[in-house]
N, C-alpha and C. Protein backbone atom coordinates (compact mmCIF):
# COMPACT_ATOMS: atom_id res chain seq x y z
N UNK A 1 0.84 -1.18 0.00
CA UNK A 1 0.00 0.00 0.00
C UNK A 1 0.88 1.24 0.00
N UNK A 2 0.57 2.18 -0.85
CA UNK A 2 1.31 3.44 -0.92
C UNK A 2 0.42 4.59 -0.46
N UNK A 3 0.97 5.45 0.40
CA UNK A 3 0.26 6.63 0.88
C UNK A 3 1.17 7.83 0.68
N UNK A 4 0.66 8.86 0.02
CA UNK A 4 1.38 10.11 -0.12
C UNK A 4 0.98 11.01 1.05
N UNK A 5 1.98 11.64 1.69
CA UNK A 5 1.71 12.55 2.79
C UNK A 5 2.06 13.97 2.38
N UNK A 6 1.18 14.89 2.71
CA UNK A 6 1.34 16.30 2.40
C UNK A 6 1.21 17.09 3.70
N UNK A 7 2.18 17.93 3.99
CA UNK A 7 2.19 18.71 5.22
C UNK A 7 2.14 20.19 4.89
N UNK A 8 1.36 20.95 5.63
CA UNK A 8 1.30 22.41 5.47
C UNK A 8 1.45 23.06 6.83
N UNK A 9 2.38 23.99 6.90
CA UNK A 9 2.54 24.83 8.09
C UNK A 9 2.03 26.20 7.70
N UNK A 10 0.79 26.50 8.07
CA UNK A 10 0.18 27.75 7.63
C UNK A 10 0.10 28.78 8.74
N UNK A 11 0.85 28.61 9.78
CA UNK A 11 0.83 29.56 10.89
C UNK A 11 1.32 30.94 10.47
N UNK A 12 2.15 31.02 9.44
CA UNK A 12 2.73 32.30 9.04
C UNK A 12 1.86 33.07 8.04
N UNK A 13 0.79 32.48 7.56
CA UNK A 13 -0.06 33.18 6.59
C UNK A 13 -0.80 34.33 7.26
N UNK A 14 -1.02 35.39 6.52
CA UNK A 14 -1.76 36.54 7.05
C UNK A 14 -3.25 36.25 7.05
N UNK A 15 -4.00 37.05 7.79
CA UNK A 15 -5.46 36.89 7.85
C UNK A 15 -6.08 37.04 6.46
N UNK A 16 -5.53 37.97 5.64
CA UNK A 16 -6.06 38.17 4.29
C UNK A 16 -5.84 36.94 3.43
N UNK A 17 -4.66 36.33 3.52
CA UNK A 17 -4.38 35.12 2.75
C UNK A 17 -5.29 33.99 3.20
N UNK A 18 -5.53 33.88 4.50
CA UNK A 18 -6.39 32.83 5.02
C UNK A 18 -7.82 33.02 4.55
N UNK A 19 -8.31 34.25 4.60
CA UNK A 19 -9.69 34.51 4.20
C UNK A 19 -9.87 34.26 2.71
N UNK A 20 -8.95 34.74 1.90
CA UNK A 20 -9.10 34.58 0.45
C UNK A 20 -8.94 33.13 0.01
N UNK A 21 -8.23 32.34 0.81
CA UNK A 21 -8.01 30.95 0.40
C UNK A 21 -9.28 30.12 0.43
N UNK A 22 -10.29 30.52 1.19
CA UNK A 22 -11.50 29.72 1.28
C UNK A 22 -12.65 30.28 0.44
N UNK A 23 -12.54 31.51 -0.04
CA UNK A 23 -13.60 32.12 -0.84
C UNK A 23 -13.86 31.32 -2.10
N UNK A 24 -15.09 30.83 -2.24
CA UNK A 24 -15.47 30.12 -3.43
C UNK A 24 -14.95 28.69 -3.53
N UNK A 25 -14.26 28.20 -2.52
CA UNK A 25 -13.71 26.84 -2.58
C UNK A 25 -14.49 25.90 -1.67
N UNK A 26 -14.75 26.31 -0.44
CA UNK A 26 -15.47 25.45 0.50
C UNK A 26 -16.95 25.38 0.13
N UNK A 27 -17.56 24.21 0.37
CA UNK A 27 -18.98 24.07 0.09
C UNK A 27 -19.81 24.57 1.28
N UNK A 28 -21.12 24.58 1.13
CA UNK A 28 -22.01 25.13 2.16
C UNK A 28 -21.87 24.40 3.49
N UNK A 29 -21.71 23.09 3.44
CA UNK A 29 -21.59 22.31 4.69
C UNK A 29 -20.30 22.67 5.41
N UNK A 30 -19.21 22.82 4.66
CA UNK A 30 -17.93 23.19 5.29
C UNK A 30 -18.00 24.61 5.86
N UNK A 31 -18.64 25.52 5.15
CA UNK A 31 -18.76 26.89 5.65
C UNK A 31 -19.59 26.92 6.94
N UNK A 32 -20.65 26.11 6.98
CA UNK A 32 -21.47 26.04 8.19
C UNK A 32 -20.67 25.47 9.36
N UNK A 33 -19.90 24.41 9.09
CA UNK A 33 -19.05 23.84 10.15
C UNK A 33 -18.02 24.85 10.62
N UNK A 34 -17.40 25.55 9.67
CA UNK A 34 -16.41 26.58 10.02
C UNK A 34 -17.04 27.64 10.93
N UNK A 35 -18.23 28.08 10.59
CA UNK A 35 -18.86 29.17 11.32
C UNK A 35 -19.35 28.77 12.71
N UNK A 36 -19.38 27.48 13.01
CA UNK A 36 -19.78 27.04 14.36
C UNK A 36 -18.66 27.18 15.39
N UNK A 37 -17.42 27.38 14.92
CA UNK A 37 -16.32 27.56 15.86
C UNK A 37 -16.47 28.92 16.55
N UNK A 38 -16.21 28.95 17.85
CA UNK A 38 -16.36 30.16 18.64
C UNK A 38 -15.23 31.15 18.34
N UNK A 39 -14.01 30.65 18.26
CA UNK A 39 -12.85 31.52 18.12
C UNK A 39 -12.45 31.67 16.66
N UNK A 40 -12.08 32.91 16.29
CA UNK A 40 -11.66 33.21 14.93
C UNK A 40 -10.49 32.34 14.48
N UNK A 41 -9.52 32.12 15.34
CA UNK A 41 -8.35 31.31 14.95
C UNK A 41 -8.77 29.89 14.59
N UNK A 42 -9.78 29.35 15.28
CA UNK A 42 -10.26 28.01 14.97
C UNK A 42 -11.02 27.99 13.64
N UNK A 43 -11.78 29.05 13.37
CA UNK A 43 -12.46 29.15 12.07
C UNK A 43 -11.44 29.21 10.94
N UNK A 44 -10.39 30.00 11.12
CA UNK A 44 -9.34 30.11 10.10
C UNK A 44 -8.63 28.77 9.90
N UNK A 45 -8.27 28.12 11.00
CA UNK A 45 -7.57 26.84 10.89
C UNK A 45 -8.42 25.80 10.16
N UNK A 46 -9.70 25.75 10.48
CA UNK A 46 -10.59 24.81 9.80
C UNK A 46 -10.64 25.11 8.31
N UNK A 47 -10.86 26.39 7.96
CA UNK A 47 -10.99 26.77 6.55
C UNK A 47 -9.71 26.47 5.77
N UNK A 48 -8.58 26.85 6.31
CA UNK A 48 -7.33 26.64 5.59
C UNK A 48 -7.02 25.16 5.43
N UNK A 49 -7.26 24.35 6.45
CA UNK A 49 -6.96 22.92 6.33
C UNK A 49 -7.86 22.26 5.30
N UNK A 50 -9.11 22.69 5.19
CA UNK A 50 -10.02 22.09 4.21
C UNK A 50 -9.72 22.58 2.79
N UNK A 51 -9.29 23.82 2.65
CA UNK A 51 -8.83 24.29 1.35
C UNK A 51 -7.58 23.52 0.94
N UNK A 52 -6.66 23.34 1.87
CA UNK A 52 -5.44 22.56 1.62
C UNK A 52 -5.80 21.16 1.13
N UNK A 53 -6.73 20.49 1.81
CA UNK A 53 -7.18 19.16 1.39
C UNK A 53 -7.69 19.18 -0.05
N UNK A 54 -8.56 20.13 -0.37
CA UNK A 54 -9.14 20.20 -1.70
C UNK A 54 -8.07 20.45 -2.76
N UNK A 55 -7.09 21.30 -2.45
CA UNK A 55 -6.02 21.57 -3.41
C UNK A 55 -5.14 20.33 -3.62
N UNK A 56 -4.89 19.59 -2.57
CA UNK A 56 -4.11 18.36 -2.70
C UNK A 56 -4.87 17.34 -3.54
N UNK A 57 -6.16 17.15 -3.25
CA UNK A 57 -6.94 16.19 -4.01
C UNK A 57 -6.96 16.53 -5.50
N UNK A 58 -6.90 17.82 -5.82
CA UNK A 58 -6.90 18.23 -7.23
C UNK A 58 -5.61 17.84 -7.95
N UNK A 59 -4.61 17.43 -7.23
CA UNK A 59 -3.39 16.91 -7.85
C UNK A 59 -3.58 15.45 -8.31
N UNK A 60 -4.64 14.81 -7.83
CA UNK A 60 -4.86 13.39 -8.10
C UNK A 60 -5.98 13.14 -9.12
N UNK A 61 -6.73 14.16 -9.45
CA UNK A 61 -7.82 14.02 -10.42
C UNK A 61 -8.07 15.38 -11.06
N UNK A 62 -8.60 15.39 -12.27
CA UNK A 62 -8.80 16.65 -12.98
C UNK A 62 -10.04 17.42 -12.50
N UNK A 63 -10.05 17.78 -11.24
CA UNK A 63 -11.12 18.58 -10.66
C UNK A 63 -10.51 19.80 -9.99
N UNK A 64 -11.19 20.93 -10.10
CA UNK A 64 -10.77 22.14 -9.38
C UNK A 64 -11.08 21.95 -7.89
N UNK A 65 -10.38 22.63 -7.01
CA UNK A 65 -10.63 22.47 -5.57
C UNK A 65 -12.09 22.65 -5.18
N UNK A 66 -12.80 23.58 -5.79
CA UNK A 66 -14.20 23.82 -5.43
C UNK A 66 -15.15 22.72 -5.94
N UNK A 67 -14.69 21.86 -6.84
CA UNK A 67 -15.56 20.83 -7.42
C UNK A 67 -15.64 19.54 -6.60
N UNK A 68 -14.81 19.38 -5.60
CA UNK A 68 -14.84 18.15 -4.80
C UNK A 68 -16.11 18.10 -3.98
N UNK A 69 -16.71 16.91 -3.91
CA UNK A 69 -17.91 16.66 -3.11
C UNK A 69 -17.59 15.53 -2.15
N UNK A 70 -18.15 15.64 -0.96
CA UNK A 70 -17.89 14.66 0.09
C UNK A 70 -19.19 14.19 0.70
N UNK A 71 -19.20 12.95 1.15
CA UNK A 71 -20.24 12.46 2.04
C UNK A 71 -19.53 11.79 3.21
N UNK A 72 -20.28 11.18 4.10
CA UNK A 72 -19.70 10.65 5.33
C UNK A 72 -20.14 9.22 5.56
N UNK A 73 -19.21 8.40 6.09
CA UNK A 73 -19.57 7.02 6.41
C UNK A 73 -20.35 6.99 7.73
N UNK A 74 -20.67 5.81 8.19
CA UNK A 74 -21.47 5.63 9.39
C UNK A 74 -20.85 6.31 10.61
N UNK A 75 -19.54 6.39 10.66
CA UNK A 75 -18.84 6.95 11.81
C UNK A 75 -18.50 8.42 11.63
N UNK A 76 -18.94 9.03 10.53
CA UNK A 76 -18.71 10.45 10.31
C UNK A 76 -17.44 10.80 9.56
N UNK A 77 -16.69 9.79 9.11
CA UNK A 77 -15.46 10.06 8.36
C UNK A 77 -15.83 10.48 6.94
N UNK A 78 -15.28 11.60 6.48
CA UNK A 78 -15.60 12.03 5.11
C UNK A 78 -14.94 11.13 4.06
N UNK A 79 -15.61 11.05 2.92
CA UNK A 79 -15.08 10.33 1.77
C UNK A 79 -15.52 11.07 0.51
N UNK A 80 -14.84 10.81 -0.56
CA UNK A 80 -15.13 11.49 -1.82
C UNK A 80 -16.43 10.96 -2.40
N UNK A 81 -17.29 11.89 -2.81
CA UNK A 81 -18.59 11.53 -3.36
C UNK A 81 -18.73 11.89 -4.83
N UNK A 82 -17.67 12.37 -5.46
CA UNK A 82 -17.73 12.72 -6.88
C UNK A 82 -17.91 11.46 -7.72
N UNK A 83 -18.91 11.45 -8.58
CA UNK A 83 -19.06 10.30 -9.47
C UNK A 83 -18.05 10.40 -10.62
N UNK A 84 -17.84 9.30 -11.26
CA UNK A 84 -17.06 9.25 -12.50
C UNK A 84 -15.57 9.57 -12.35
N UNK A 85 -15.01 9.36 -11.18
CA UNK A 85 -13.55 9.46 -11.07
C UNK A 85 -12.98 8.20 -11.71
N UNK A 86 -11.91 8.35 -12.44
CA UNK A 86 -11.31 7.19 -13.12
C UNK A 86 -10.79 6.16 -12.13
N UNK A 87 -10.33 6.63 -10.98
CA UNK A 87 -9.77 5.74 -9.97
C UNK A 87 -10.21 6.22 -8.60
N UNK A 88 -10.52 5.30 -7.70
CA UNK A 88 -10.92 5.67 -6.35
C UNK A 88 -9.74 6.35 -5.65
N UNK A 89 -10.04 7.40 -4.91
CA UNK A 89 -9.03 8.12 -4.15
C UNK A 89 -9.47 8.11 -2.69
N UNK A 90 -8.57 7.71 -1.82
CA UNK A 90 -8.85 7.69 -0.39
C UNK A 90 -7.97 8.74 0.28
N UNK A 91 -8.48 9.34 1.34
CA UNK A 91 -7.71 10.39 2.00
C UNK A 91 -8.00 10.42 3.49
N UNK A 92 -7.15 11.10 4.20
CA UNK A 92 -7.38 11.42 5.60
C UNK A 92 -6.74 12.77 5.85
N UNK A 93 -7.43 13.60 6.63
CA UNK A 93 -6.96 14.93 6.99
C UNK A 93 -6.82 15.01 8.49
N UNK A 94 -5.68 15.46 8.94
CA UNK A 94 -5.46 15.73 10.36
C UNK A 94 -4.96 17.16 10.46
N UNK A 95 -5.57 17.93 11.34
CA UNK A 95 -5.13 19.32 11.47
C UNK A 95 -5.17 19.78 12.91
N UNK A 96 -4.35 20.76 13.18
CA UNK A 96 -4.25 21.38 14.49
C UNK A 96 -3.96 22.85 14.26
N UNK A 97 -3.80 23.60 15.29
CA UNK A 97 -3.53 25.04 15.12
C UNK A 97 -2.25 25.25 14.33
N UNK A 98 -2.40 25.83 13.14
CA UNK A 98 -1.25 26.21 12.35
C UNK A 98 -0.66 25.16 11.44
N UNK A 99 -1.23 23.95 11.39
CA UNK A 99 -0.64 22.92 10.55
C UNK A 99 -1.70 21.89 10.15
N UNK A 100 -1.45 21.26 9.01
CA UNK A 100 -2.32 20.18 8.54
C UNK A 100 -1.48 19.11 7.87
N UNK A 101 -1.98 17.88 7.94
CA UNK A 101 -1.35 16.74 7.28
C UNK A 101 -2.45 16.00 6.53
N UNK A 102 -2.21 15.74 5.25
CA UNK A 102 -3.16 15.01 4.42
C UNK A 102 -2.46 13.76 3.90
N UNK A 103 -3.12 12.62 4.04
CA UNK A 103 -2.66 11.38 3.45
C UNK A 103 -3.58 11.02 2.30
N UNK A 104 -3.01 10.58 1.17
CA UNK A 104 -3.79 10.23 -0.01
C UNK A 104 -3.31 8.88 -0.54
N UNK A 105 -4.26 8.02 -0.90
CA UNK A 105 -3.90 6.70 -1.42
C UNK A 105 -4.92 6.28 -2.48
N UNK A 106 -4.42 5.58 -3.49
CA UNK A 106 -5.29 4.93 -4.46
C UNK A 106 -5.60 3.51 -4.00
N UNK A 107 -4.79 2.97 -3.11
CA UNK A 107 -4.82 1.55 -2.78
C UNK A 107 -5.91 1.14 -1.78
N UNK A 108 -6.07 1.91 -0.72
CA UNK A 108 -7.00 1.49 0.33
C UNK A 108 -7.34 2.68 1.21
N UNK A 109 -8.38 2.52 2.00
CA UNK A 109 -8.76 3.57 2.96
C UNK A 109 -7.63 3.81 3.92
N UNK A 110 -7.53 5.06 4.34
CA UNK A 110 -6.48 5.43 5.29
C UNK A 110 -7.12 5.61 6.66
């Protein structure tokens, strides 16, 4: 099994860069989840990590970051819901304040 790992340290980005990175990219469900965070820093971290995920996934299939669709399994783990992908893509996103890690695999769930 092969897994590609992508790391982003976004603690140094300005508020303007963080805000513009999510405009038009996150879907309505992600925006609603982002807006439920009490603290601005948590809203920014959520938005940037999900934009990062979408941009990484776009390296694996010919979709723009805003075109990715997700649904959730029984336990709430997101998975790709786009029909007609040539090959199944599996991913996992882990994020904390100022950093995110994305794992991507064609072989199996992560």
